[in-house]
Amino acid sequence: MVAIVLAIMAFAKANTANPIGPPVAAGIPCDQLEHTQTHYHAALQIIFDGHQVAIPSDIGRLSTCFYWLHVHAESPGVIHIESPKNRTFTLGEFFKVWAASKKTPEPLDATHVSIFTLTGDQKLVVYIDDQDAKTGPQPYTGDPAAIVLKAHDVITIEITPPTVSPPPTFTFPSGL
């Protein structure tokens, strides 16, 4: 009888330490519902070798839950920020959700962008376009993972050469 109780306690402790279900990514859980306390959209474009790379349309959306940062098939390249908390989210957190939801490494730093690792002759160029129609895309020189996701910002990450200047325009789908 004591052995059974100890076995049950060990099983319970193991399941508490490693709960079943999607992992929390960068402090962002995968919830049963989408939230609207914080709700806005930003766009991401990745350009490699002069060509735009498709952003997977199911990032952060699993059959059982939604991460607070996710993408929908009907709005390619649009990061949906839908959280029950008022907080700031970063592009690096989105890449961590991407990795957790796809179960693949998705690094983002000065020499890595998802599946791409820059070689010695390549350079990472990042633009942020706040869509104000006055300034257009502006170069960003900091850590790309630290970029704060803001409503209707378009973030373009280029792995050059060649340099695509200016980066492609992005139009948010109607209603976003």
Protein backbone atom coordinates (compact mmCIF):
# COMPACT_ATOMS: atom_id res chain seq x y z
CA MET A 1 0.00 0.00 0.00
CA VAL A 2 2.83 2.42 0.89
CA ALA A 3 4.54 1.61 -2.42
CA ILE A 4 1.34 2.52 -4.34
CA VAL A 5 1.00 5.86 -2.51
CA LEU A 6 4.67 6.68 -3.18
CA ALA A 7 4.25 5.78 -6.85
CA ILE A 8 1.18 8.03 -7.16
CA MET A 9 3.00 10.89 -5.43
CA ALA A 10 6.02 10.50 -7.74
CA PHE A 11 3.76 10.44 -10.82
CA ALA A 12 1.88 13.55 -9.64
CA LYS A 13 5.13 15.41 -8.97
CA ALA A 14 6.53 14.45 -12.38
CA ASN A 15 3.38 15.66 -14.13
CA THR A 16 3.43 18.93 -12.20
CA ALA A 17 7.05 19.55 -13.19
CA ASN A 18 6.35 18.64 -16.84
CA PRO A 19 2.68 19.38 -17.53
CA ILE A 20 1.16 17.87 -20.63
CA GLY A 21 0.34 20.38 -23.33
CA PRO A 22 2.04 23.09 -25.33
CA PRO A 23 5.00 24.77 -23.67
CA VAL A 24 4.90 28.34 -22.45
CA ALA A 25 7.06 30.39 -24.84
CA ALA A 26 8.76 33.55 -23.56
CA GLY A 27 6.21 33.72 -20.75
CA ILE A 28 3.34 33.40 -23.26
CA PRO A 29 0.98 30.48 -22.69
CA CYS A 30 -1.17 28.73 -25.26
CA ASP A 31 -4.76 29.44 -24.18
CA GLN A 32 -8.05 27.89 -25.21
CA LEU A 33 -9.39 31.20 -26.54
CA GLU A 34 -8.13 34.28 -28.31
CA HIS A 35 -8.20 37.38 -26.10
CA THR A 36 -9.14 41.00 -26.64
CA GLN A 37 -7.81 42.94 -23.63
CA THR A 38 -4.84 43.78 -25.85
CA HIS A 39 -5.60 43.36 -29.56
CA TYR A 40 -3.62 44.78 -32.46
CA HIS A 41 -1.59 43.64 -35.46
CA ALA A 42 1.95 44.07 -36.78
CA ALA A 43 3.45 42.70 -40.00
CA LEU A 44 6.67 40.77 -40.63
CA GLN A 45 8.49 40.43 -43.93
CA ILE A 46 11.65 38.34 -44.34
CA ILE A 47 13.72 38.79 -47.50
CA PHE A 48 16.47 36.34 -48.37
CA ASP A 49 18.54 36.45 -51.54
CA GLY A 50 16.30 39.24 -52.85
CA HIS A 51 13.11 37.18 -52.48
CA GLN A 52 10.35 37.44 -49.92
CA VAL A 53 10.06 34.36 -47.69
CA ALA A 54 6.58 33.11 -46.74
CA ILE A 55 5.82 33.32 -43.03
CA PRO A 56 4.03 30.11 -41.96
CA SER A 57 0.31 30.75 -41.55
CA ASP A 58 -0.14 28.58 -38.48
CA ILE A 59 2.46 30.04 -36.12
CA GLY A 60 1.07 30.15 -32.59
CA ARG A 61 -2.16 28.35 -33.51
CA LEU A 62 -2.40 24.74 -32.48
CA SER A 63 -5.42 22.45 -32.77
CA THR A 64 -6.01 22.86 -29.03
CA CYS A 65 -5.01 26.45 -28.28
CA PHE A 66 -3.79 29.89 -29.35
CA TYR A 67 -0.64 31.67 -28.22
CA TRP A 68 -1.13 35.38 -27.55
CA LEU A 69 1.07 36.01 -30.60
CA HIS A 70 -0.05 34.10 -33.68
CA VAL A 71 -0.66 34.18 -37.44
CA HIS A 72 -3.80 33.34 -39.43
CA ALA A 73 -3.88 31.84 -42.94
CA GLU A 74 -6.19 34.61 -44.20
CA SER A 75 -3.68 37.32 -43.27
CA PRO A 76 -0.19 36.10 -44.26
CA GLY A 77 2.68 37.89 -42.57
CA VAL A 78 0.41 39.56 -40.01
CA ILE A 79 1.24 38.92 -36.37
CA HIS A 80 -1.96 38.96 -34.33
CA ILE A 81 -1.30 40.24 -30.81
CA GLU A 82 -4.28 39.10 -28.72
CA SER A 83 -3.59 39.00 -25.01
CA PRO A 84 -5.58 39.06 -21.76
CA LYS A 85 -2.90 41.38 -20.34
CA ASN A 86 -1.75 44.90 -21.19
CA ARG A 87 1.93 44.36 -21.85
CA THR A 88 4.61 44.97 -24.43
CA PHE A 89 5.53 42.18 -26.84
CA THR A 90 8.70 41.86 -28.93
CA LEU A 91 9.68 40.28 -32.20
CA GLY A 92 11.98 37.95 -30.26
CA GLU A 93 9.00 36.67 -28.27
CA PHE A 94 7.16 36.03 -31.53
CA PHE A 95 10.11 33.94 -32.77
CA LYS A 96 10.02 31.96 -29.50
CA VAL A 97 6.29 31.29 -30.00
CA TRP A 98 7.11 30.29 -33.59
CA ALA A 99 9.67 27.78 -32.29
CA ALA A 100 7.36 26.38 -29.61
CA SER A 101 4.35 26.03 -31.89
CA LYS A 102 6.27 24.51 -34.81
CA LYS A 103 8.67 22.51 -32.60
CA THR A 104 11.60 23.82 -34.63
CA PRO A 105 14.49 26.13 -33.75
CA GLU A 106 13.64 29.67 -34.84
CA PRO A 107 16.51 31.89 -33.70
CA LEU A 108 16.56 35.66 -34.19
CA ASP A 109 19.75 37.62 -33.64
CA ALA A 110 22.44 39.46 -35.62
CA THR A 111 23.45 36.31 -37.52
CA HIS A 112 20.30 34.14 -37.51
CA VAL A 113 16.77 34.61 -38.81
CA SER A 114 14.65 31.47 -38.51
CA ILE A 115 16.27 28.85 -40.76
CA PHE A 116 18.85 31.28 -42.17
CA THR A 117 22.37 31.63 -40.79
CA LEU A 118 24.27 34.57 -42.24
CA THR A 119 27.61 33.85 -43.87
CA GLY A 120 30.63 36.18 -43.81
CA ASP A 121 29.56 38.01 -46.97
CA GLN A 122 25.97 38.57 -45.81
CA LYS A 123 24.53 41.36 -43.71
CA LEU A 124 21.32 41.72 -41.73
CA VAL A 125 19.35 44.87 -42.59
CA VAL A 126 16.17 45.67 -40.64
CA TYR A 127 13.53 48.28 -41.39
CA ILE A 128 10.53 49.39 -39.37
CA ASP A 129 7.71 51.22 -41.13
CA ASP A 130 5.17 52.73 -38.76
CA GLN A 131 2.85 53.42 -41.72
CA ASP A 132 2.65 57.14 -40.98
CA ALA A 133 2.96 57.97 -44.74
CA LYS A 134 5.59 60.63 -43.94
CA THR A 135 8.83 58.80 -43.30
CA GLY A 136 8.43 55.33 -44.82
CA PRO A 137 10.59 52.39 -43.73
CA GLN A 138 13.35 53.44 -41.32
CA PRO A 139 16.55 51.45 -40.70
CA TYR A 140 16.76 49.73 -37.33
CA THR A 141 20.25 48.98 -36.02
CA GLY A 142 19.60 47.33 -32.66
CA ASP A 143 18.96 43.73 -31.68
CA PRO A 144 16.12 42.52 -33.94
CA ALA A 145 14.73 40.38 -31.11
CA ALA A 146 14.21 43.56 -29.05
CA ILE A 147 11.91 45.22 -31.60
CA VAL A 148 8.67 46.08 -29.86
CA LEU A 149 5.57 45.00 -31.77
CA LYS A 150 3.34 48.02 -32.32
CA ALA A 151 0.00 48.42 -34.06
CA HIS A 152 0.40 48.44 -37.84
CA ASP A 153 4.19 48.51 -37.81
CA VAL A 154 5.72 46.64 -40.73
CA ILE A 155 9.02 44.99 -39.81
CA THR A 156 11.20 43.95 -42.72
CA ILE A 157 14.27 41.77 -42.14
CA GLU A 158 16.62 41.45 -45.10
CA ILE A 159 19.54 39.12 -45.46
CA THR A 160 21.72 40.84 -48.06
CA PRO A 161 23.12 40.87 -50.70
CA PRO A 162 21.29 41.91 -52.71
CA THR A 163 19.81 44.85 -50.86
CA VAL A 164 16.14 45.44 -51.58
CA SER A 165 15.82 49.17 -51.05
CA PRO A 166 13.28 50.29 -50.21
CA PRO A 167 11.72 47.11 -48.83
CA PRO A 168 8.46 45.92 -50.36
CA THR A 169 5.33 47.75 -49.28
CA PHE A 170 2.85 45.91 -47.12
CA THR A 171 -0.90 46.45 -47.04
CA PHE A 172 -2.83 45.15 -44.07
CA PRO A 173 -5.94 43.19 -45.03
CA SER A 174 -9.22 45.05 -44.61
CA GLY A 175 -10.44 45.04 -41.02
CA LEU A 176 -7.02 44.67 -39.47
